[in-house]
Amino acid sequence: MLIVLLIVAAGLGGLIVTGISTSDLWGALPGFAVPAAVLAALLALYLATHQGGHDERRISRAVAMLCLVCLIAFAARGLHGNSPEVIASFLAPLRSNSESAALTHDAPASVRIRRRADGSFLANAEINGETMTLLIDSGAATVVLRHSDAEKIGIDMRTLAYNTPLKTANGTSYLAPTELKSVRIGPIALNDVEALVAKPGTLNESLLGMSFLRRLTSYQVAGDFATLRR
């Protein structure tokens, strides 16, 4: 241990001599401030645990004390006027890991919807910030909105062109294409979702079709539940 302390003392002495002759070293000290503080703490611990009367221990404590003083001086010089930047740099990896862990934790999202008595699945949704219910229909190519629901979410009905044909049991109906800014079902949210708007009185319920479902990781029906995952 004495040899190690002598090497550390020699190295610090060399840094001090170099620092006297050039200002570049002192400009770089903020980057060494935290390691110097850590080394100072370790040396202080060594001093606290090596008490005795032997000559070698007395010499070791003297050299360690010199190293401790030098390290504290370097740490103080490096931290002076730069403590926020140094601390931020030291904590950056920890913060980055914490943020990554949070993102990883929040990434998966799923929603389970219970089957209704008539065998269908009805989802509570939020479209463009407005709440409504949508009937899940994997046979529909897009999200299809009732005329009243389209008005509710702020679509300008005057700009719609009902030129997209849709064949139903009652014949062919024409719908107007549009795009929804956002569609959210529980924790699952998608932006820029293709949709169609039905004419007044031609649709009993708005439909959650494949323009939303195909962008999910999976859509599965098992037993009395439909599970949406993203």
Protein backbone atom coordinates (compact mmCIF):
# COMPACT_ATOMS: atom_id res chain seq x y z
CA MET A 1 0.00 0.00 0.00
CA LEU A 2 2.87 2.35 0.77
CA ILE A 3 4.29 1.87 -2.74
CA VAL A 4 0.91 2.64 -4.30
CA LEU A 5 0.60 5.82 -2.25
CA LEU A 6 4.10 6.90 -3.25
CA ILE A 7 3.23 6.40 -6.93
CA VAL A 8 0.03 8.44 -6.51
CA ALA A 9 1.95 11.19 -4.71
CA ALA A 10 4.56 11.27 -7.47
CA GLY A 11 1.88 11.51 -10.12
CA LEU A 12 0.14 14.36 -8.33
CA GLY A 13 3.45 16.13 -7.93
CA GLY A 14 4.03 15.86 -11.65
CA LEU A 15 0.58 17.31 -12.35
CA ILE A 16 1.26 20.21 -10.01
CA VAL A 17 4.57 21.00 -11.71
CA THR A 18 2.94 20.80 -15.13
CA GLY A 19 0.06 22.99 -13.93
CA ILE A 20 2.47 25.70 -12.84
CA SER A 21 4.03 25.90 -16.29
CA THR A 22 0.86 25.73 -18.40
CA SER A 23 -2.76 26.82 -18.08
CA ASP A 24 -4.12 23.98 -20.26
CA LEU A 25 -4.14 21.55 -17.37
CA TRP A 26 -6.19 23.86 -15.18
CA GLY A 27 -8.70 24.36 -17.99
CA ALA A 28 -9.18 20.59 -18.17
CA LEU A 29 -9.57 20.09 -14.42
CA PRO A 30 -13.41 20.13 -14.36
CA GLY A 31 -13.37 16.78 -16.13
CA PHE A 32 -11.14 15.30 -13.37
CA ALA A 33 -13.03 16.82 -10.46
CA VAL A 34 -15.37 13.93 -9.72
CA PRO A 35 -12.67 11.18 -9.98
CA ALA A 36 -10.40 13.27 -7.76
CA ALA A 37 -13.13 13.59 -5.16
CA VAL A 38 -13.69 9.83 -5.25
CA LEU A 39 -9.97 9.14 -4.79
CA ALA A 40 -9.87 11.62 -1.91
CA ALA A 41 -12.72 9.76 -0.21
CA LEU A 42 -10.90 6.44 -0.62
CA LEU A 43 -7.71 7.86 0.85
CA ALA A 44 -9.64 9.32 3.76
CA LEU A 45 -11.10 5.86 4.40
CA TYR A 46 -7.57 4.40 4.32
CA LEU A 47 -6.37 6.93 6.87
CA ALA A 48 -9.31 6.16 9.14
CA THR A 49 -8.67 2.42 9.12
CA HIS A 50 -4.85 2.39 9.52
CA GLN A 51 -4.05 3.47 13.02
CA GLY A 52 -0.93 2.26 14.82
CA GLY A 53 2.56 3.09 15.91
CA HIS A 54 4.71 1.30 13.37
CA ASP A 55 7.04 3.46 11.32
CA GLU A 56 5.72 2.19 8.01
CA ARG A 57 2.16 3.07 8.99
CA ARG A 58 3.23 6.54 10.10
CA ILE A 59 4.97 7.10 6.75
CA SER A 60 1.94 5.71 4.90
CA ARG A 61 -0.38 8.07 6.76
CA ALA A 62 1.86 11.04 6.01
CA VAL A 63 2.03 10.22 2.28
CA ALA A 64 -1.70 9.49 2.17
CA MET A 65 -2.41 12.82 3.86
CA LEU A 66 -0.34 14.61 1.21
CA CYS A 67 -2.25 12.78 -1.53
CA LEU A 68 -5.55 13.59 0.15
CA VAL A 69 -4.77 17.30 0.34
CA CYS A 70 -3.69 17.38 -3.32
CA LEU A 71 -6.76 15.50 -4.48
CA ILE A 72 -9.08 17.78 -2.52
CA ALA A 73 -7.34 20.77 -4.07
CA PHE A 74 -7.79 19.34 -7.57
CA ALA A 75 -11.45 18.53 -6.89
CA ALA A 76 -12.14 22.00 -5.50
CA ARG A 77 -10.36 23.66 -8.43
CA GLY A 78 -12.27 21.58 -10.94
CA LEU A 79 -15.67 22.07 -9.32
CA HIS A 80 -15.26 25.79 -8.70
CA GLY A 81 -17.68 27.64 -10.98
CA ASN A 82 -18.47 24.46 -12.90
CA SER A 83 -20.30 22.30 -10.36
CA PRO A 84 -23.65 22.21 -12.19
CA GLU A 85 -22.01 21.08 -15.44
CA VAL A 86 -19.75 18.54 -13.72
CA ILE A 87 -22.56 17.04 -11.67
CA ALA A 88 -24.84 16.95 -14.72
CA SER A 89 -22.13 15.19 -16.71
CA PHE A 90 -21.56 12.69 -13.90
CA LEU A 91 -25.29 11.92 -13.56
CA ALA A 92 -26.05 11.87 -17.31
CA PRO A 93 -25.52 8.08 -17.75
CA LEU A 94 -27.77 7.36 -14.78
CA ARG A 95 -30.48 9.65 -16.12
CA SER A 96 -30.17 8.13 -19.58
CA ASN A 97 -30.54 4.60 -18.21
CA SER A 98 -33.55 5.66 -16.15
CA GLU A 99 -35.25 7.25 -19.16
CA SER A 100 -34.53 4.19 -21.29
CA ALA A 101 -36.02 1.95 -18.63
CA ALA A 102 -39.12 4.13 -18.48
CA LEU A 103 -39.53 4.01 -22.25
CA THR A 104 -39.09 0.25 -22.27
CA HIS A 105 -41.63 -0.11 -19.48
CA ASP A 106 -44.23 2.13 -21.19
CA ALA A 107 -43.78 0.82 -24.75
CA PRO A 108 -46.08 -2.27 -24.70
CA ALA A 109 -49.81 -1.50 -24.57
CA SER A 110 -52.86 -3.73 -24.70
CA VAL A 111 -56.62 -3.48 -24.27
CA ARG A 112 -59.11 -6.28 -23.53
CA ILE A 113 -62.73 -5.78 -24.55
CA ARG A 114 -65.54 -8.08 -23.36
CA ARG A 115 -67.99 -9.49 -25.87
CA ARG A 116 -71.52 -8.08 -25.71
CA ALA A 117 -74.61 -10.23 -25.43
CA ASP A 118 -75.17 -9.94 -29.20
CA GLY A 119 -71.65 -11.29 -29.86
CA SER A 120 -70.06 -7.98 -30.93
CA PHE A 121 -67.26 -5.98 -29.35
CA LEU A 122 -67.78 -2.32 -28.53
CA ALA A 123 -64.72 -0.17 -27.79
CA ASN A 124 -64.69 3.06 -25.80
CA ALA A 125 -62.58 5.36 -27.96
CA GLU A 126 -61.30 8.90 -28.12
CA ILE A 127 -61.12 10.42 -31.59
CA ASN A 128 -59.56 13.86 -32.06
CA GLY A 129 -59.99 14.34 -28.32
CA GLU A 130 -63.72 13.46 -28.25
CA THR A 131 -65.06 10.31 -26.59
CA MET A 132 -67.37 7.88 -28.39
CA THR A 133 -68.02 4.18 -28.86
CA LEU A 134 -66.91 2.18 -31.89
CA LEU A 135 -68.07 -1.25 -32.99
CA ILE A 136 -65.01 -3.39 -33.80
CA ASP A 137 -65.45 -4.66 -37.36
CA SER A 138 -62.51 -6.40 -39.02
CA GLY A 139 -64.57 -6.63 -42.19
CA ALA A 140 -64.55 -2.85 -42.61
CA ALA A 141 -61.59 -1.53 -44.60
CA THR A 142 -61.37 1.67 -42.55
CA VAL A 143 -62.77 3.40 -39.52
CA VAL A 144 -66.30 4.45 -40.49
CA LEU A 145 -68.02 7.28 -38.61
CA ARG A 146 -71.66 8.13 -38.34
CA HIS A 147 -72.49 11.59 -39.61
CA SER A 148 -73.23 12.80 -36.06
CA ASP A 149 -69.93 11.42 -34.71
CA ALA A 150 -68.00 13.13 -37.51
CA GLU A 151 -69.64 16.43 -36.59
CA LYS A 152 -68.84 15.82 -32.92
CA ILE A 153 -65.09 15.55 -33.54
CA GLY A 154 -65.02 18.76 -35.58
CA ILE A 155 -64.88 17.52 -39.17
CA ASP A 156 -66.00 20.22 -41.59
CA MET A 157 -68.92 18.50 -43.25
CA ARG A 158 -69.02 21.08 -46.06
CA THR A 159 -65.70 19.86 -47.44
CA LEU A 160 -66.68 16.16 -47.62
CA ALA A 161 -67.24 14.45 -50.96
CA TYR A 162 -69.40 11.32 -50.76
CA ASN A 163 -67.79 9.45 -53.63
CA THR A 164 -66.62 6.19 -52.05
CA PRO A 165 -69.12 3.35 -52.62
CA LEU A 166 -69.93 0.83 -49.88
CA LYS A 167 -72.06 -2.21 -50.58
CA THR A 168 -74.41 -3.22 -47.78
CA ALA A 169 -77.36 -5.58 -47.37
CA ASN A 170 -79.63 -2.65 -48.18
CA GLY A 171 -77.75 -1.71 -51.34
CA THR A 172 -74.88 0.61 -52.17
CA SER A 173 -74.16 3.60 -49.97
CA TYR A 174 -71.66 6.38 -50.62
CA LEU A 175 -69.26 7.63 -47.98
CA ALA A 176 -66.80 10.53 -47.74
CA PRO A 177 -63.08 9.87 -47.13
CA THR A 178 -61.30 11.80 -44.40
CA GLU A 179 -58.34 11.45 -42.05
CA LEU A 180 -58.51 11.41 -38.26
CA LYS A 181 -55.76 13.21 -36.35
CA SER A 182 -55.79 10.69 -33.51
CA VAL A 183 -57.62 7.56 -32.41
CA ARG A 184 -57.09 6.34 -28.86
CA ILE A 185 -58.44 3.21 -27.19
CA GLY A 186 -57.15 2.98 -23.63
CA PRO A 187 -53.32 3.24 -23.76
CA ILE A 188 -53.24 2.54 -27.51
CA ALA A 189 -53.06 5.70 -29.62
CA LEU A 190 -52.55 6.10 -33.37
CA ASN A 191 -52.24 9.27 -35.41
CA ASP A 192 -53.36 10.02 -38.99
CA VAL A 193 -55.90 7.23 -39.32
CA GLU A 194 -57.84 6.84 -42.58
CA ALA A 195 -61.62 6.99 -42.15
CA LEU A 196 -64.91 7.31 -43.98
CA VAL A 197 -67.92 9.40 -43.00
CA ALA A 198 -71.40 8.02 -43.64
CA LYS A 199 -74.35 10.08 -44.77
CA PRO A 200 -76.97 10.94 -42.11
CA GLY A 201 -79.17 8.01 -41.15
CA THR A 202 -77.19 5.32 -43.01
CA LEU A 203 -75.15 3.90 -40.09
CA ASN A 204 -76.34 2.86 -36.64
CA GLU A 205 -72.89 2.70 -35.01
CA SER A 206 -69.43 3.98 -35.93
CA LEU A 207 -67.03 1.20 -36.88
CA LEU A 208 -63.44 0.49 -35.85
CA GLY A 209 -62.10 -1.01 -39.06
CA MET A 210 -58.82 -2.20 -40.53
CA SER A 211 -57.23 1.24 -41.04
CA PHE A 212 -56.77 1.11 -37.24
CA LEU A 213 -56.58 -2.65 -36.59
CA ARG A 214 -53.90 -3.44 -39.18
CA ARG A 215 -51.50 -0.96 -37.54
CA LEU A 216 -51.58 -2.89 -34.26
CA THR A 217 -49.06 -5.55 -33.31
CA SER A 218 -51.96 -7.98 -33.01
CA TYR A 219 -55.73 -8.21 -32.80
CA GLN A 220 -57.00 -11.44 -31.29
CA VAL A 221 -60.37 -12.82 -30.24
CA ALA A 222 -60.34 -15.60 -27.64
CA GLY A 223 -63.43 -16.69 -25.76
CA ASP A 224 -65.41 -13.68 -24.65
CA PHE A 225 -62.58 -11.17 -25.07
CA ALA A 226 -60.97 -9.29 -27.91
CA THR A 227 -57.40 -8.19 -27.21
CA LEU A 228 -55.74 -5.28 -28.99
CA ARG A 229 -51.94 -4.97 -28.66
CA ARG A 230 -49.44 -2.40 -29.79
